[in-house]
Amino acid sequence: MASSSANENEAAAARFEAATLPFMEALYNQALRLTQRREDAGDIVQETYLRAYRTFSSFKEGTNCKAWLFTILYSIFVNKYRKEQREPDTVSIEELEEKFHPTLADPDWRQISLL
């Protein structure tokens, strides 16, 4: 019983690899165009393949695998972009001290801020 399940999983993995791996370079190039950063492009392609593998059972054989992968990739890119837009800008304590320390060191800083 367990060996037949393992064989089915191996067969599914082999079908996934055969259907999707030929498009890896094209996906990476598109991700690079979208993100403009190699690290982010690699992350998006990795996430694309992870999502595609998880949902490969819903993929219909004979349909356009390349379009399916690009749809996943674009969806991931848009979700990450929207998430970044919602997050507040972060500033380190060192940057704040560097920016405001001269003002706070001035004994007349309260008068300066009121002007």
N, C-alpha and C. Protein backbone atom coordinates (compact mmCIF):
# COMPACT_ATOMS: atom_id res chain seq x y z
N MET A 1 0.81 -1.19 0.00
CA MET A 1 0.00 0.00 0.00
C MET A 1 0.86 1.26 0.00
N ALA A 2 1.85 1.30 0.91
CA ALA A 2 2.69 2.48 1.03
C ALA A 2 3.55 2.67 -0.21
N SER A 3 3.99 1.59 -0.81
CA SER A 3 4.84 1.71 -1.99
C SER A 3 4.05 2.24 -3.19
N SER A 4 2.78 1.89 -3.30
CA SER A 4 1.98 2.41 -4.41
C SER A 4 1.74 3.90 -4.24
N SER A 5 1.57 4.34 -3.00
CA SER A 5 1.41 5.78 -2.74
C SER A 5 2.70 6.52 -3.06
N ALA A 6 3.82 5.93 -2.70
CA ALA A 6 5.12 6.54 -2.99
C ALA A 6 5.34 6.60 -4.50
N ASN A 7 4.94 5.54 -5.21
CA ASN A 7 5.08 5.53 -6.67
C ASN A 7 4.20 6.59 -7.31
N GLU A 8 3.00 6.77 -6.79
CA GLU A 8 2.10 7.81 -7.31
C GLU A 8 2.69 9.19 -7.09
N ASN A 9 3.26 9.41 -5.90
CA ASN A 9 3.87 10.71 -5.60
C ASN A 9 5.07 10.96 -6.52
N GLU A 10 5.87 9.93 -6.75
CA GLU A 10 7.02 10.08 -7.64
C GLU A 10 6.57 10.35 -9.07
N ALA A 11 5.52 9.69 -9.50
CA ALA A 11 5.00 9.92 -10.85
C ALA A 11 4.45 11.33 -10.98
N ALA A 12 3.74 11.82 -9.95
CA ALA A 12 3.21 13.18 -9.98
C ALA A 12 4.34 14.20 -10.00
N ALA A 13 5.38 13.94 -9.21
CA ALA A 13 6.54 14.85 -9.19
C ALA A 13 7.24 14.86 -10.55
N ALA A 14 7.34 13.71 -11.17
CA ALA A 14 7.98 13.63 -12.49
C ALA A 14 7.14 14.37 -13.54
N ARG A 15 5.81 14.23 -13.47
CA ARG A 15 4.93 14.96 -14.40
C ARG A 15 5.06 16.47 -14.18
N PHE A 16 5.12 16.87 -12.90
CA PHE A 16 5.28 18.29 -12.58
C PHE A 16 6.57 18.83 -13.16
N GLU A 17 7.67 18.13 -12.93
CA GLU A 17 8.97 18.58 -13.44
C GLU A 17 8.97 18.66 -14.96
N ALA A 18 8.42 17.65 -15.60
CA ALA A 18 8.41 17.62 -17.07
C ALA A 18 7.57 18.77 -17.64
N ALA A 19 6.49 19.11 -16.96
CA ALA A 19 5.60 20.15 -17.47
C ALA A 19 6.09 21.56 -17.16
N THR A 20 6.77 21.75 -16.02
CA THR A 20 7.06 23.11 -15.56
C THR A 20 8.51 23.56 -15.70
N LEU A 21 9.45 22.66 -15.56
CA LEU A 21 10.86 23.08 -15.56
C LEU A 21 11.33 23.76 -16.84
N PRO A 22 10.79 23.41 -18.01
CA PRO A 22 11.25 24.10 -19.22
C PRO A 22 10.97 25.62 -19.21
N PHE A 23 10.11 26.08 -18.33
CA PHE A 23 9.74 27.49 -18.31
C PHE A 23 10.45 28.30 -17.22
N MET A 24 11.37 27.68 -16.52
CA MET A 24 12.01 28.36 -15.39
C MET A 24 12.77 29.62 -15.82
N GLU A 25 13.51 29.55 -16.89
CA GLU A 25 14.27 30.72 -17.34
C GLU A 25 13.34 31.86 -17.76
N ALA A 26 12.27 31.54 -18.46
CA ALA A 26 11.32 32.57 -18.89
C ALA A 26 10.63 33.19 -17.68
N LEU A 27 10.30 32.38 -16.68
CA LEU A 27 9.69 32.91 -15.45
C LEU A 27 10.66 33.83 -14.72
N TYR A 28 11.92 33.41 -14.64
CA TYR A 28 12.91 34.24 -13.96
C TYR A 28 13.09 35.58 -14.69
N ASN A 29 13.17 35.54 -16.01
CA ASN A 29 13.33 36.78 -16.77
C ASN A 29 12.14 37.73 -16.55
N GLN A 30 10.94 37.18 -16.53
CA GLN A 30 9.77 38.02 -16.29
C GLN A 30 9.78 38.57 -14.86
N ALA A 31 10.15 37.74 -13.90
CA ALA A 31 10.22 38.20 -12.51
C ALA A 31 11.27 39.29 -12.37
N LEU A 32 12.38 39.17 -13.08
CA LEU A 32 13.43 40.19 -13.03
C LEU A 32 12.93 41.50 -13.64
N ARG A 33 12.16 41.41 -14.71
CA ARG A 33 11.58 42.63 -15.30
C ARG A 33 10.61 43.30 -14.32
N LEU A 34 9.85 42.50 -13.60
CA LEU A 34 8.87 43.06 -12.67
C LEU A 34 9.53 43.66 -11.43
N THR A 35 10.51 42.97 -10.87
CA THR A 35 11.08 43.39 -9.59
C THR A 35 12.31 44.27 -9.71
N GLN A 36 13.05 44.14 -10.81
CA GLN A 36 14.30 44.87 -11.02
C GLN A 36 15.40 44.46 -10.04
N ARG A 37 15.22 43.35 -9.32
CA ARG A 37 16.23 42.87 -8.38
C ARG A 37 16.36 41.36 -8.51
N ARG A 38 17.59 40.88 -8.63
CA ARG A 38 17.83 39.45 -8.82
C ARG A 38 17.32 38.61 -7.64
N GLU A 39 17.57 39.09 -6.42
CA GLU A 39 17.16 38.33 -5.24
C GLU A 39 15.64 38.20 -5.19
N ASP A 40 14.94 39.30 -5.43
CA ASP A 40 13.48 39.27 -5.41
C ASP A 40 12.93 38.40 -6.54
N ALA A 41 13.56 38.46 -7.70
CA ALA A 41 13.13 37.64 -8.84
C ALA A 41 13.26 36.15 -8.50
N GLY A 42 14.37 35.79 -7.91
CA GLY A 42 14.57 34.39 -7.51
C GLY A 42 13.55 33.95 -6.48
N ASP A 43 13.24 34.83 -5.52
CA ASP A 43 12.24 34.50 -4.50
C ASP A 43 10.87 34.29 -5.12
N ILE A 44 10.51 35.15 -6.07
CA ILE A 44 9.20 35.04 -6.70
C ILE A 44 9.10 33.76 -7.53
N VAL A 45 10.16 33.41 -8.24
CA VAL A 45 10.14 32.18 -9.03
C VAL A 45 10.03 30.97 -8.10
N GLN A 46 10.76 31.00 -7.00
CA GLN A 46 10.69 29.89 -6.04
C GLN A 46 9.27 29.76 -5.49
N GLU A 47 8.67 30.87 -5.11
CA GLU A 47 7.30 30.85 -4.61
C GLU A 47 6.32 30.38 -5.69
N THR A 48 6.58 30.75 -6.94
CA THR A 48 5.73 30.30 -8.05
C THR A 48 5.76 28.79 -8.17
N TYR A 49 6.95 28.21 -8.13
CA TYR A 49 7.05 26.76 -8.25
C TYR A 49 6.46 26.05 -7.04
N LEU A 50 6.59 26.64 -5.88
CA LEU A 50 6.00 26.04 -4.68
C LEU A 50 4.47 26.02 -4.80
N ARG A 51 3.88 27.14 -5.19
CA ARG A 51 2.43 27.19 -5.34
C ARG A 51 1.96 26.28 -6.47
N ALA A 52 2.71 26.25 -7.54
CA ALA A 52 2.33 25.39 -8.67
C ALA A 52 2.37 23.92 -8.25
N TYR A 53 3.38 23.55 -7.49
CA TYR A 53 3.49 22.15 -7.05
C TYR A 53 2.33 21.79 -6.13
N ARG A 54 2.00 22.70 -5.23
CA ARG A 54 0.89 22.44 -4.29
C ARG A 54 -0.44 22.28 -5.00
N THR A 55 -0.62 23.00 -6.10
CA THR A 55 -1.92 22.96 -6.79
C THR A 55 -1.85 22.22 -8.12
N PHE A 56 -0.79 21.45 -8.33
CA PHE A 56 -0.63 20.77 -9.61
C PHE A 56 -1.76 19.78 -9.88
N SER A 57 -2.38 19.26 -8.85
CA SER A 57 -3.49 18.33 -9.05
C SER A 57 -4.67 19.01 -9.75
N SER A 58 -4.79 20.33 -9.62
CA SER A 58 -5.88 21.05 -10.29
C SER A 58 -5.51 21.45 -11.72
N PHE A 59 -4.25 21.29 -12.09
CA PHE A 59 -3.83 21.63 -13.45
C PHE A 59 -4.34 20.57 -14.42
N LYS A 60 -4.93 21.00 -15.49
CA LYS A 60 -5.47 20.08 -16.49
C LYS A 60 -4.41 19.81 -17.56
N GLU A 61 -4.09 18.54 -17.74
CA GLU A 61 -3.13 18.14 -18.76
C GLU A 61 -3.61 18.63 -20.13
N GLY A 62 -2.70 19.10 -20.94
CA GLY A 62 -3.04 19.55 -22.28
C GLY A 62 -3.36 21.04 -22.36
N THR A 63 -3.48 21.70 -21.20
CA THR A 63 -3.71 23.15 -21.23
C THR A 63 -2.36 23.85 -21.22
N ASN A 64 -2.38 25.15 -21.28
CA ASN A 64 -1.16 25.94 -21.42
C ASN A 64 -0.46 26.09 -20.06
N CYS A 65 0.53 25.26 -19.82
CA CYS A 65 1.26 25.27 -18.55
C CYS A 65 2.02 26.57 -18.36
N LYS A 66 2.59 27.08 -19.44
CA LYS A 66 3.36 28.32 -19.37
C LYS A 66 2.46 29.48 -18.91
N ALA A 67 1.29 29.58 -19.47
CA ALA A 67 0.36 30.64 -19.07
C ALA A 67 -0.07 30.46 -17.62
N TRP A 68 -0.28 29.22 -17.20
CA TRP A 68 -0.66 28.93 -15.82
C TRP A 68 0.44 29.40 -14.86
N LEU A 69 1.69 29.09 -15.17
CA LEU A 69 2.82 29.49 -14.33
C LEU A 69 2.98 31.01 -14.30
N PHE A 70 2.82 31.66 -15.44
CA PHE A 70 2.95 33.11 -15.49
C PHE A 70 1.83 33.79 -14.71
N THR A 71 0.65 33.21 -14.71
CA THR A 71 -0.46 33.76 -13.93
C THR A 71 -0.14 33.67 -12.44
N ILE A 72 0.41 32.55 -12.01
CA ILE A 72 0.81 32.39 -10.61
C ILE A 72 1.89 33.40 -10.26
N LEU A 73 2.89 33.53 -11.12
CA LEU A 73 4.00 34.45 -10.88
C LEU A 73 3.50 35.88 -10.74
N TYR A 74 2.65 36.30 -11.65
CA TYR A 74 2.14 37.67 -11.61
C TYR A 74 1.30 37.90 -10.36
N SER A 75 0.52 36.92 -9.98
CA SER A 75 -0.30 37.03 -8.77
C SER A 75 0.58 37.21 -7.53
N ILE A 76 1.66 36.45 -7.46
CA ILE A 76 2.59 36.57 -6.33
C ILE A 76 3.23 37.96 -6.32
N PHE A 77 3.65 38.42 -7.49
CA PHE A 77 4.27 39.75 -7.58
C PHE A 77 3.30 40.83 -7.10
N VAL A 78 2.07 40.80 -7.56
CA VAL A 78 1.08 41.81 -7.19
C VAL A 78 0.80 41.75 -5.68
N ASN A 79 0.66 40.54 -5.14
CA ASN A 79 0.41 40.41 -3.70
C ASN A 79 1.55 40.98 -2.87
N LYS A 80 2.78 40.68 -3.28
CA LYS A 80 3.94 41.22 -2.55
C LYS A 80 4.01 42.74 -2.67
N TYR A 81 3.74 43.27 -3.84
CA TYR A 81 3.76 44.71 -4.05
C TYR A 81 2.71 45.39 -3.17
N ARG A 82 1.50 44.86 -3.16
CA ARG A 82 0.44 45.44 -2.34
C ARG A 82 0.76 45.36 -0.86
N LYS A 83 1.37 44.26 -0.44
CA LYS A 83 1.75 44.11 0.96
C LYS A 83 2.79 45.17 1.34
N GLU A 84 3.77 45.37 0.47
CA GLU A 84 4.80 46.39 0.73
C GLU A 84 4.19 47.78 0.81
N GLN A 85 3.18 48.06 0.00
CA GLN A 85 2.54 49.37 0.00
C GLN A 85 1.78 49.62 1.31
N ARG A 86 1.25 48.55 1.91
CA ARG A 86 0.49 48.69 3.16
C ARG A 86 1.40 48.84 4.37
N GLU A 87 2.62 48.32 4.28
CA GLU A 87 3.54 48.36 5.42
C GLU A 87 4.12 49.76 5.58
N PRO A 88 4.23 50.21 6.83
CA PRO A 88 4.83 51.53 7.05
C PRO A 88 6.33 51.47 6.77
N ASP A 89 6.89 52.62 6.42
CA ASP A 89 8.33 52.70 6.22
C ASP A 89 9.01 52.50 7.56
N THR A 90 10.06 51.72 7.56
CA THR A 90 10.81 51.49 8.79
C THR A 90 12.09 52.31 8.77
N VAL A 91 12.41 52.85 9.92
CA VAL A 91 13.61 53.66 10.08
C VAL A 91 14.32 53.17 11.32
N SER A 92 15.63 52.99 11.23
CA SER A 92 16.38 52.51 12.38
C SER A 92 16.57 53.64 13.39
N ILE A 93 16.83 53.25 14.62
CA ILE A 93 17.07 54.22 15.69
C ILE A 93 18.29 55.08 15.35
N GLU A 94 19.30 54.44 14.76
CA GLU A 94 20.52 55.18 14.41
C GLU A 94 20.21 56.29 13.40
N GLU A 95 19.36 55.99 12.43
CA GLU A 95 19.00 57.01 11.44
C GLU A 95 18.23 58.16 12.10
N LEU A 96 17.35 57.84 13.02
CA LEU A 96 16.60 58.90 13.71
C LEU A 96 17.52 59.76 14.56
N GLU A 97 18.43 59.10 15.29
CA GLU A 97 19.37 59.86 16.12
C GLU A 97 20.26 60.75 15.26
N GLU A 98 20.71 60.20 14.14
CA GLU A 98 21.57 60.97 13.25
C GLU A 98 20.84 62.20 12.70
N LYS A 99 19.57 62.01 12.39
CA LYS A 99 18.80 63.09 11.80
C LYS A 99 18.41 64.15 12.83
N PHE A 100 18.00 63.72 14.02
CA PHE A 100 17.45 64.67 14.99
C PHE A 100 18.40 65.02 16.12
N HIS A 101 19.51 64.33 16.26
CA HIS A 101 20.43 64.62 17.36
C HIS A 101 20.93 66.07 17.35
N PRO A 102 21.35 66.62 16.22
CA PRO A 102 21.81 68.01 16.26
C PRO A 102 20.71 68.96 16.73
N THR A 103 19.50 68.70 16.37
CA THR A 103 18.40 69.56 16.79
C THR A 103 18.15 69.42 18.28
N LEU A 104 18.15 68.20 18.79
CA LEU A 104 17.89 67.97 20.21
C LEU A 104 19.05 68.44 21.08
N ALA A 105 20.26 68.43 20.55
CA ALA A 105 21.42 68.88 21.31
C ALA A 105 21.43 70.39 21.49
N ASP A 106 20.75 71.09 20.64
CA ASP A 106 20.67 72.55 20.73
C ASP A 106 19.76 72.94 21.89
N PRO A 107 20.25 73.76 22.86
CA PRO A 107 19.42 74.12 24.00
C PRO A 107 18.17 74.91 23.61
N ASP A 108 18.20 75.54 22.45
CA ASP A 108 17.05 76.32 22.01
C ASP A 108 16.16 75.54 21.03
N TRP A 109 16.18 74.19 21.07
CA TRP A 109 15.45 73.38 20.10
C TRP A 109 13.95 73.61 20.16
N ARG A 110 13.43 73.96 21.34
CA ARG A 110 11.99 74.22 21.44
C ARG A 110 11.61 75.48 20.67
N GLN A 111 12.46 76.43 20.72
CA GLN A 111 12.19 77.66 19.97
C GLN A 111 12.30 77.42 18.48
N ILE A 112 13.26 76.58 18.08
CA ILE A 112 13.44 76.27 16.66
C ILE A 112 12.22 75.55 16.13
N SER A 113 11.68 74.60 16.92
CA SER A 113 10.55 73.81 16.44
C SER A 113 9.27 74.65 16.36
N LEU A 114 9.21 75.73 17.14
CA LEU A 114 8.01 76.56 17.10
C LEU A 114 8.00 77.51 15.91
N LEU A 115 9.16 77.74 15.31
CA LEU A 115 9.22 78.66 14.18
C LEU A 115 8.66 78.10 12.97
